[in-house]
Amino acid sequence: MPSFNDIVSGEVNFNDILSKPLEKALANSDFELRLLEEGDIEVAEADLLMEEIFPPREVDDYKPSQLLSYVNNVLSIICLKGGVVIGSITVSCVGGDEKYMTVHSLGVDKEYRNKKLGSALMLVVHDIACELEINSISLISSDYGKPFYRSFNFTEMAHQSFEITLPFPKEVIDKKIADFQRMNIKAVGTKPADHIAPNQTITKRVTAGLNFFDAGIQKQVQPLTSQSLSPTYP
C-alpha cells in the first residue's frame, strides 16, 4: 500500500489508484488531472482561480501556494482543459490509528459548473483516501456548498463542519460517475469552429465560481468550503 507521501511526491501516480469506472470516465472526457507541486507554473493560475471564488480577506487561506507551503501532509490536484487550470482541490492527511483527511479548498471555473467536475475531484480524493485506508473526510462548508456535500452523504456537524466515514455509498459513487460521463463524453472528430485568422491569438481569462454546486442559487462568488488554516466561525 502506498503512503500519502508517495502520492504527494509523485512517486506513486494518483491516477493509477483511481477506481476503474472513474478512471474510464475521466479518460473519456477532455479534462486532465495533475498533481500540483510547489514551483509549478500552474500554482499561480490555481491561486487566481481561488481569488475569483473566495472573499479577498480570506482567499490566502485557500490558495494552493499557501497550503503547499504552510500545511503539513498536503496534496493539491488540478484539473486542466487545453492547458488551462479550471479546477483545483487541496487536502491534507493526519495519520495515526484514526487516519482522516481534511478538504481545505475546492474550486471550479464557473464556465464548467454544470460539468460535474467538482464531483469528479471529490471522487478522486475519495479513491486516494480509500487506497490509503483513511477512515473519514472532514471539511467546513459555506451555506452554498451544503447541498453538494449532502449529495455525497456527508453529515453536518457543528459550526458548518461536515464529515463522512469512508467509503462513500456505492449508489452515490455510481450516480456521480454516471452524471459526469453524461455531461463530459469526448466528442468524436473535430467540430468546425468559428473562423480564426492565421495570426489571431485567442486569450482565455479564467473566471471562477461554484454556483454549479448551488442547486439554482445564482450567487456567483461563494466558497464551497471555508476550511481555513485558523478557522473562525460566525
C-alpha atoms as a PDB file:
ATOM      1  CA  MET A   1       0.000   0.000   0.000  1.00  0.00           C
ATOM      2  CA  PRO A   2       1.441   3.412  -0.924  1.00  0.00           C
ATOM      3  CA  SER A   3       1.839   6.136   1.663  1.00  0.00           C
ATOM      4  CA  PHE A   4       0.375   9.622   1.478  1.00  0.00           C
ATOM      5  CA  ASN A   5       3.894  10.977   0.949  1.00  0.00           C
ATOM      6  CA  ASP A   6       4.382   8.608  -2.001  1.00  0.00           C
ATOM      7  CA  ILE A   7       1.442  10.290  -3.719  1.00  0.00           C
ATOM      8  CA  VAL A   8       2.424  13.832  -2.693  1.00  0.00           C
ATOM      9  CA  SER A   9       5.945  13.322  -4.052  1.00  0.00           C
ATOM     10  CA  GLY A  10       4.653  11.849  -7.304  1.00  0.00           C
ATOM     11  CA  GLU A  11       6.461   8.568  -6.685  1.00  0.00           C
ATOM     12  CA  VAL A  12       3.041   6.942  -6.992  1.00  0.00           C
ATOM     13  CA  ASN A  13       0.804   8.405  -9.699  1.00  0.00           C
ATOM     14  CA  PHE A  14      -2.585   9.042  -8.109  1.00  0.00           C
ATOM     15  CA  ASN A  15      -4.275   8.345 -11.456  1.00  0.00           C
ATOM     16  CA  ASP A  16      -3.106   4.740 -11.174  1.00  0.00           C
ATOM     17  CA  ILE A  17      -5.098   4.101  -7.996  1.00  0.00           C
ATOM     18  CA  LEU A  18      -8.430   5.506  -9.132  1.00  0.00           C
ATOM     19  CA  SER A  19     -11.341   3.116  -9.478  1.00  0.00           C
ATOM     20  CA  LYS A  20     -11.747   1.711 -12.980  1.00  0.00           C
ATOM     21  CA  PRO A  21     -15.138   3.403 -13.582  1.00  0.00           C
ATOM     22  CA  LEU A  22     -13.774   6.813 -12.535  1.00  0.00           C
ATOM     23  CA  GLU A  23     -10.563   6.303 -14.496  1.00  0.00           C
ATOM     24  CA  LYS A  24     -12.594   5.453 -17.610  1.00  0.00           C
ATOM     25  CA  ALA A  25     -14.936   8.416 -17.168  1.00  0.00           C
ATOM     26  CA  LEU A  26     -12.003  10.824 -16.872  1.00  0.00           C
ATOM     27  CA  ALA A  27     -10.212   9.246 -19.844  1.00  0.00           C
ATOM     28  CA  ASN A  28     -13.319   9.773 -21.980  1.00  0.00           C
ATOM     29  CA  SER A  29     -13.501  13.463 -21.084  1.00  0.00           C
ATOM     30  CA  ASP A  30     -11.449  16.431 -22.254  1.00  0.00           C
ATOM     31  CA  PHE A  31     -10.052  17.046 -18.768  1.00  0.00           C
ATOM     32  CA  GLU A  32      -6.568  16.285 -17.475  1.00  0.00           C
ATOM     33  CA  LEU A  33      -5.887  15.794 -13.773  1.00  0.00           C
ATOM     34  CA  ARG A  34      -2.409  16.507 -12.460  1.00  0.00           C
ATOM     35  CA  LEU A  35      -0.560  16.750  -9.190  1.00  0.00           C
ATOM     36  CA  LEU A  36       0.275  20.347  -8.259  1.00  0.00           C
ATOM     37  CA  GLU A  37       3.620  20.920  -6.556  1.00  0.00           C
ATOM     38  CA  GLU A  38       5.427  23.960  -5.194  1.00  0.00           C
ATOM     39  CA  GLY A  39       7.276  25.685  -8.012  1.00  0.00           C
ATOM     40  CA  ASP A  40       4.925  24.513 -10.774  1.00  0.00           C
ATOM     41  CA  ILE A  41       3.922  27.304 -13.138  1.00  0.00           C
ATOM     42  CA  GLU A  42       0.292  26.281 -12.658  1.00  0.00           C
ATOM     43  CA  VAL A  43       0.403  27.304  -8.976  1.00  0.00           C
ATOM     44  CA  ALA A  44      -0.143  30.969  -9.872  1.00  0.00           C
ATOM     45  CA  GLU A  45      -3.061  30.039 -12.115  1.00  0.00           C
ATOM     46  CA  ALA A  46      -4.626  27.896  -9.397  1.00  0.00           C
ATOM     47  CA  ASP A  47      -4.214  30.811  -6.981  1.00  0.00           C
ATOM     48  CA  LEU A  48      -6.026  33.054  -9.459  1.00  0.00           C
ATOM     49  CA  LEU A  49      -8.872  30.565  -9.539  1.00  0.00           C
ATOM     50  CA  MET A  50      -9.192  30.828  -5.761  1.00  0.00           C
ATOM     51  CA  GLU A  51      -9.080  34.644  -5.955  1.00  0.00           C
ATOM     52  CA  GLU A  52     -12.121  34.532  -8.221  1.00  0.00           C
ATOM     53  CA  ILE A  53     -14.010  32.406  -5.691  1.00  0.00           C
ATOM     54  CA  PHE A  54     -13.145  33.365  -2.131  1.00  0.00           C
ATOM     55  CA  PRO A  55     -13.521  36.765  -0.416  1.00  0.00           C
ATOM     56  CA  PRO A  56     -10.325  38.882  -0.579  1.00  0.00           C
ATOM     57  CA  ARG A  57      -9.841  38.897   3.186  1.00  0.00           C
ATOM     58  CA  GLU A  58      -9.958  35.078   3.313  1.00  0.00           C
ATOM     59  CA  VAL A  59      -8.534  33.947  -0.002  1.00  0.00           C
ATOM     60  CA  ASP A  60      -4.938  33.428   1.164  1.00  0.00           C
ATOM     61  CA  ASP A  61      -6.142  30.581   3.378  1.00  0.00           C
ATOM     62  CA  TYR A  62      -7.346  28.694   0.297  1.00  0.00           C
ATOM     63  CA  LYS A  63      -4.622  29.388  -2.244  1.00  0.00           C
ATOM     64  CA  PRO A  64      -2.682  26.254  -3.197  1.00  0.00           C
ATOM     65  CA  SER A  65       0.567  28.227  -2.915  1.00  0.00           C
ATOM     66  CA  GLN A  66      -0.143  28.951   0.748  1.00  0.00           C
ATOM     67  CA  LEU A  67      -1.444  25.490   1.569  1.00  0.00           C
ATOM     68  CA  LEU A  68       1.508  23.779  -0.110  1.00  0.00           C
ATOM     69  CA  SER A  69       3.920  25.983   1.832  1.00  0.00           C
ATOM     70  CA  TYR A  70       2.414  26.009   5.303  1.00  0.00           C
ATOM     71  CA  VAL A  71       0.231  22.920   5.797  1.00  0.00           C
ATOM     72  CA  ASN A  72       1.778  19.567   6.651  1.00  0.00           C
ATOM     73  CA  ASN A  73       0.999  16.474   4.567  1.00  0.00           C
ATOM     74  CA  VAL A  74      -0.862  18.416   1.898  1.00  0.00           C
ATOM     75  CA  LEU A  75      -1.922  17.202  -1.542  1.00  0.00           C
ATOM     76  CA  SER A  76      -3.160  19.505  -4.292  1.00  0.00           C
ATOM     77  CA  ILE A  77      -4.674  18.284  -7.560  1.00  0.00           C
ATOM     78  CA  ILE A  78      -5.578  20.474 -10.514  1.00  0.00           C
ATOM     79  CA  CYS A  79      -7.844  19.885 -13.479  1.00  0.00           C
ATOM     80  CA  LEU A  80      -6.853  21.337 -16.830  1.00  0.00           C
ATOM     81  CA  LYS A  81      -8.574  21.724 -20.161  1.00  0.00           C
ATOM     82  CA  GLY A  82      -6.493  22.857 -23.085  1.00  0.00           C
ATOM     83  CA  GLY A  83      -3.660  23.612 -20.695  1.00  0.00           C
ATOM     84  CA  VAL A  84      -5.785  25.995 -18.607  1.00  0.00           C
ATOM     85  CA  VAL A  85      -6.449  25.320 -14.922  1.00  0.00           C
ATOM     86  CA  ILE A  86     -10.217  25.043 -14.479  1.00  0.00           C
ATOM     87  CA  GLY A  87     -10.428  23.209 -11.167  1.00  0.00           C
ATOM     88  CA  SER A  88      -8.465  22.538  -8.005  1.00  0.00           C
ATOM     89  CA  ILE A  89      -8.809  20.551  -4.808  1.00  0.00           C
ATOM     90  CA  THR A  90      -6.384  20.639  -1.883  1.00  0.00           C
ATOM     91  CA  VAL A  91      -6.473  18.203   1.033  1.00  0.00           C
ATOM     92  CA  SER A  92      -4.275  17.175   3.942  1.00  0.00           C
ATOM     93  CA  CYS A  93      -3.917  13.925   5.833  1.00  0.00           C
ATOM     94  CA  VAL A  94      -3.383  13.195   9.517  1.00  0.00           C
ATOM     95  CA  GLY A  95      -2.027   9.766  10.386  1.00  0.00           C
ATOM     96  CA  GLY A  96      -2.133   7.601  13.481  1.00  0.00           C
ATOM     97  CA  ASP A  97      -4.623   4.890  14.346  1.00  0.00           C
ATOM     98  CA  GLU A  98      -7.544   7.076  13.242  1.00  0.00           C
ATOM     99  CA  LYS A  99      -6.371   8.476   9.926  1.00  0.00           C
ATOM    100  CA  TYR A 100      -8.500  11.213   8.435  1.00  0.00           C
ATOM    101  CA  MET A 101      -8.407  13.646   5.536  1.00  0.00           C
ATOM    102  CA  THR A 102      -9.378  17.326   5.541  1.00  0.00           C
ATOM    103  CA  VAL A 103     -10.554  19.195   2.440  1.00  0.00           C
ATOM    104  CA  HIS A 104      -9.083  22.704   2.593  1.00  0.00           C
ATOM    105  CA  SER A 105     -10.319  24.105  -0.700  1.00  0.00           C
ATOM    106  CA  LEU A 106     -12.274  23.052  -3.764  1.00  0.00           C
ATOM    107  CA  GLY A 107     -12.817  25.409  -6.672  1.00  0.00           C
ATOM    108  CA  VAL A 108     -14.067  25.164 -10.243  1.00  0.00           C
ATOM    109  CA  ASP A 109     -14.182  27.698 -13.073  1.00  0.00           C
ATOM    110  CA  LYS A 110     -17.781  28.889 -13.375  1.00  0.00           C
ATOM    111  CA  GLU A 111     -17.805  28.035 -17.091  1.00  0.00           C
ATOM    112  CA  TYR A 112     -17.675  24.369 -16.067  1.00  0.00           C
ATOM    113  CA  ARG A 113     -20.118  24.491 -13.191  1.00  0.00           C
ATOM    114  CA  ASN A 114     -22.575  22.194 -14.988  1.00  0.00           C
ATOM    115  CA  LYS A 115     -19.976  19.584 -15.904  1.00  0.00           C
ATOM    116  CA  LYS A 116     -19.916  17.742 -12.545  1.00  0.00           C
ATOM    117  CA  LEU A 117     -16.207  18.484 -12.283  1.00  0.00           C
ATOM    118  CA  GLY A 118     -16.439  19.201  -8.560  1.00  0.00           C
ATOM    119  CA  SER A 119     -17.929  15.743  -8.059  1.00  0.00           C
ATOM    120  CA  ALA A 120     -15.109  14.169 -10.060  1.00  0.00           C
ATOM    121  CA  LEU A 121     -12.471  15.934  -7.946  1.00  0.00           C
ATOM    122  CA  MET A 122     -14.186  14.765  -4.773  1.00  0.00           C
ATOM    123  CA  LEU A 123     -14.283  11.192  -6.082  1.00  0.00           C
ATOM    124  CA  VAL A 124     -10.561  11.377  -6.864  1.00  0.00           C
ATOM    125  CA  VAL A 125      -9.631  12.282  -3.279  1.00  0.00           C
ATOM    126  CA  HIS A 126     -12.121   9.644  -2.079  1.00  0.00           C
ATOM    127  CA  ASP A 127     -10.305   6.948  -4.057  1.00  0.00           C
ATOM    128  CA  ILE A 128      -6.937   8.146  -2.780  1.00  0.00           C
ATOM    129  CA  ALA A 129      -8.214   8.134   0.801  1.00  0.00           C
ATOM    130  CA  CYS A 130      -9.638   4.624   0.456  1.00  0.00           C
ATOM    131  CA  GLU A 131      -6.384   3.328  -1.033  1.00  0.00           C
ATOM    132  CA  LEU A 132      -4.555   4.748   1.993  1.00  0.00           C
ATOM    133  CA  GLU A 133      -7.119   3.221   4.385  1.00  0.00           C
ATOM    134  CA  ILE A 134      -8.134   6.660   5.637  1.00  0.00           C
ATOM    135  CA  ASN A 135     -11.220   6.441   7.818  1.00  0.00           C
ATOM    136  CA  SER A 136     -13.004   9.721   7.154  1.00  0.00           C
ATOM    137  CA  ILE A 137     -13.050  13.042   5.310  1.00  0.00           C
ATOM    138  CA  SER A 138     -13.961  16.305   7.019  1.00  0.00           C
ATOM    139  CA  LEU A 139     -14.387  19.913   5.909  1.00  0.00           C
ATOM    140  CA  ILE A 140     -16.152  23.173   6.674  1.00  0.00           C
ATOM    141  CA  SER A 141     -18.696  24.377   4.118  1.00  0.00           C
ATOM    142  CA  SER A 142     -20.423  27.613   3.279  1.00  0.00           C
ATOM    143  CA  ASP A 143     -24.209  27.544   3.066  1.00  0.00           C
ATOM    144  CA  TYR A 144     -23.952  27.400  -0.717  1.00  0.00           C
ATOM    145  CA  GLY A 145     -21.854  24.250  -0.701  1.00  0.00           C
ATOM    146  CA  LYS A 146     -24.010  22.280   1.709  1.00  0.00           C
ATOM    147  CA  PRO A 147     -26.290  20.666  -0.922  1.00  0.00           C
ATOM    148  CA  PHE A 148     -23.210  19.439  -2.768  1.00  0.00           C
ATOM    149  CA  TYR A 149     -21.728  17.699   0.268  1.00  0.00           C
ATOM    150  CA  ARG A 150     -25.072  16.321   1.369  1.00  0.00           C
ATOM    151  CA  SER A 151     -25.352  14.694  -2.049  1.00  0.00           C
ATOM    152  CA  PHE A 152     -22.321  12.575  -1.066  1.00  0.00           C
ATOM    153  CA  ASN A 153     -23.978  11.687   2.272  1.00  0.00           C
ATOM    154  CA  PHE A 154     -21.714  13.919   4.366  1.00  0.00           C
ATOM    155  CA  THR A 155     -23.175  14.529   7.828  1.00  0.00           C
ATOM    156  CA  GLU A 156     -23.399  18.124   9.011  1.00  0.00           C
ATOM    157  CA  MET A 157     -21.795  18.631  12.396  1.00  0.00           C
ATOM    158  CA  ALA A 158     -21.426  21.822  14.465  1.00  0.00           C
ATOM    159  CA  HIS A 159     -20.216  25.158  13.069  1.00  0.00           C
ATOM    160  CA  GLN A 160     -20.909  24.257   9.409  1.00  0.00           C
ATOM    161  CA  SER A 161     -18.490  21.336   9.555  1.00  0.00           C
ATOM    162  CA  PHE A 162     -19.179  18.184   7.576  1.00  0.00           C
ATOM    163  CA  GLU A 163     -17.808  14.687   7.957  1.00  0.00           C
ATOM    164  CA  ILE A 164     -18.235  11.306   6.328  1.00  0.00           C
ATOM    165  CA  THR A 165     -16.952   7.825   7.128  1.00  0.00           C
ATOM    166  CA  LEU A 166     -15.364   6.161   4.120  1.00  0.00           C
ATOM    167  CA  PRO A 167     -16.086   4.744   1.679  1.00  0.00           C
ATOM    168  CA  PHE A 168     -18.864   6.764   0.072  1.00  0.00           C
ATOM    169  CA  PRO A 169     -22.046   4.737  -0.514  1.00  0.00           C
ATOM    170  CA  LYS A 170     -21.763   2.727  -3.740  1.00  0.00           C
ATOM    171  CA  GLU A 171     -25.001   4.127  -5.128  1.00  0.00           C
ATOM    172  CA  VAL A 172     -23.671   7.660  -4.635  1.00  0.00           C
ATOM    173  CA  ILE A 173     -20.406   6.851  -6.412  1.00  0.00           C
ATOM    174  CA  ASP A 174     -22.206   5.172  -9.312  1.00  0.00           C
ATOM    175  CA  LYS A 175     -24.576   8.116  -9.761  1.00  0.00           C
ATOM    176  CA  LYS A 176     -21.813  10.727  -9.586  1.00  0.00           C
ATOM    177  CA  ILE A 177     -19.732   8.901 -12.187  1.00  0.00           C
ATOM    178  CA  ALA A 178     -22.743   8.369 -14.459  1.00  0.00           C
ATOM    179  CA  ASP A 179     -23.640  12.063 -14.229  1.00  0.00           C
ATOM    180  CA  PHE A 180     -20.060  13.077 -15.018  1.00  0.00           C
ATOM    181  CA  GLN A 181     -19.934  10.716 -18.004  1.00  0.00           C
ATOM    182  CA  ARG A 182     -23.212  12.010 -19.369  1.00  0.00           C
ATOM    183  CA  MET A 183     -22.008  15.617 -19.213  1.00  0.00           C
ATOM    184  CA  ASN A 184     -18.467  15.078 -20.490  1.00  0.00           C
ATOM    185  CA  ILE A 185     -18.351  12.482 -23.247  1.00  0.00           C
ATOM    186  CA  LYS A 186     -15.465  13.412 -25.519  1.00  0.00           C
ATOM    187  CA  ALA A 187     -16.665  14.395 -28.968  1.00  0.00           C
ATOM    188  CA  VAL A 188     -15.626  12.149 -31.863  1.00  0.00           C
ATOM    189  CA  GLY A 189     -13.880  14.043 -34.628  1.00  0.00           C
ATOM    190  CA  THR A 190     -13.409  17.784 -34.761  1.00  0.00           C
ATOM    191  CA  LYS A 191     -16.348  20.115 -34.628  1.00  0.00           C
ATOM    192  CA  PRO A 192     -15.996  23.045 -37.034  1.00  0.00           C
ATOM    193  CA  ALA A 193     -15.001  26.156 -35.142  1.00  0.00           C
ATOM    194  CA  ASP A 194     -15.587  29.801 -35.884  1.00  0.00           C
ATOM    195  CA  HIS A 195     -13.111  31.123 -38.405  1.00  0.00           C
ATOM    196  CA  ILE A 196      -9.802  32.164 -36.866  1.00  0.00           C
ATOM    197  CA  ALA A 197      -7.291  34.195 -38.822  1.00  0.00           C
ATOM    198  CA  PRO A 198      -3.862  32.512 -39.132  1.00  0.00           C
ATOM    199  CA  ASN A 199      -2.150  35.025 -36.849  1.00  0.00           C
ATOM    200  CA  GLN A 200      -5.061  35.591 -34.480  1.00  0.00           C
ATOM    201  CA  THR A 201      -4.425  34.808 -30.827  1.00  0.00           C
ATOM    202  CA  ILE A 202      -7.186  33.680 -28.511  1.00  0.00           C
ATOM    203  CA  THR A 203      -6.786  34.672 -24.888  1.00  0.00           C
ATOM    204  CA  LYS A 204      -8.895  32.980 -22.247  1.00  0.00           C
ATOM    205  CA  ARG A 205      -9.404  34.719 -18.944  1.00  0.00           C
ATOM    206  CA  VAL A 206     -10.074  32.311 -16.105  1.00  0.00           C
ATOM    207  CA  THR A 207     -13.268  33.230 -14.317  1.00  0.00           C
ATOM    208  CA  ALA A 208     -14.335  31.086 -11.447  1.00  0.00           C
ATOM    209  CA  GLY A 209     -17.346  30.291  -9.400  1.00  0.00           C
ATOM    210  CA  LEU A 210     -19.109  27.486  -7.647  1.00  0.00           C
ATOM    211  CA  ASN A 211     -22.766  28.084  -8.294  1.00  0.00           C
ATOM    212  CA  PHE A 212     -22.910  24.834 -10.261  1.00  0.00           C
ATOM    213  CA  PHE A 213     -22.930  23.257  -6.810  1.00  0.00           C
ATOM    214  CA  ASP A 214     -25.629  25.544  -5.568  1.00  0.00           C
ATOM    215  CA  ALA A 215     -28.783  23.924  -6.917  1.00  0.00           C
ATOM    216  CA  GLY A 216     -30.096  27.018  -8.647  1.00  0.00           C
ATOM    217  CA  ILE A 217     -28.701  29.672  -6.320  1.00  0.00           C
ATOM    218  CA  GLN A 218     -27.486  32.490  -8.506  1.00  0.00           C
ATOM    219  CA  LYS A 219     -24.660  33.943  -6.400  1.00  0.00           C
ATOM    220  CA  GLN A 220     -21.502  33.722  -8.476  1.00  0.00           C
ATOM    221  CA  VAL A 221     -18.730  34.089  -5.921  1.00  0.00           C
ATOM    222  CA  GLN A 222     -19.174  31.848  -2.931  1.00  0.00           C
ATOM    223  CA  PRO A 223     -16.678  29.411  -1.414  1.00  0.00           C
ATOM    224  CA  LEU A 224     -17.671  25.786  -1.440  1.00  0.00           C
ATOM    225  CA  THR A 225     -15.594  25.153   1.628  1.00  0.00           C
ATOM    226  CA  SER A 226     -14.323  27.505   4.255  1.00  0.00           C
ATOM    227  CA  GLN A 227     -11.731  25.333   5.954  1.00  0.00           C
ATOM    228  CA  SER A 228      -9.043  27.849   6.852  1.00  0.00           C
ATOM    229  CA  LEU A 229      -5.682  27.426   8.499  1.00  0.00           C
ATOM    230  CA  SER A 230      -7.017  29.168  11.596  1.00  0.00           C
ATOM    231  CA  PRO A 231     -10.785  28.902  11.103  1.00  0.00           C
ATOM    232  CA  THR A 232     -13.198  31.233  12.828  1.00  0.00           C
ATOM    233  CA  TYR A 233     -16.897  30.665  12.929  1.00  0.00           C
ATOM    234  CA  PRO A 234     -19.769  33.155  12.623  1.00  0.00           C
END
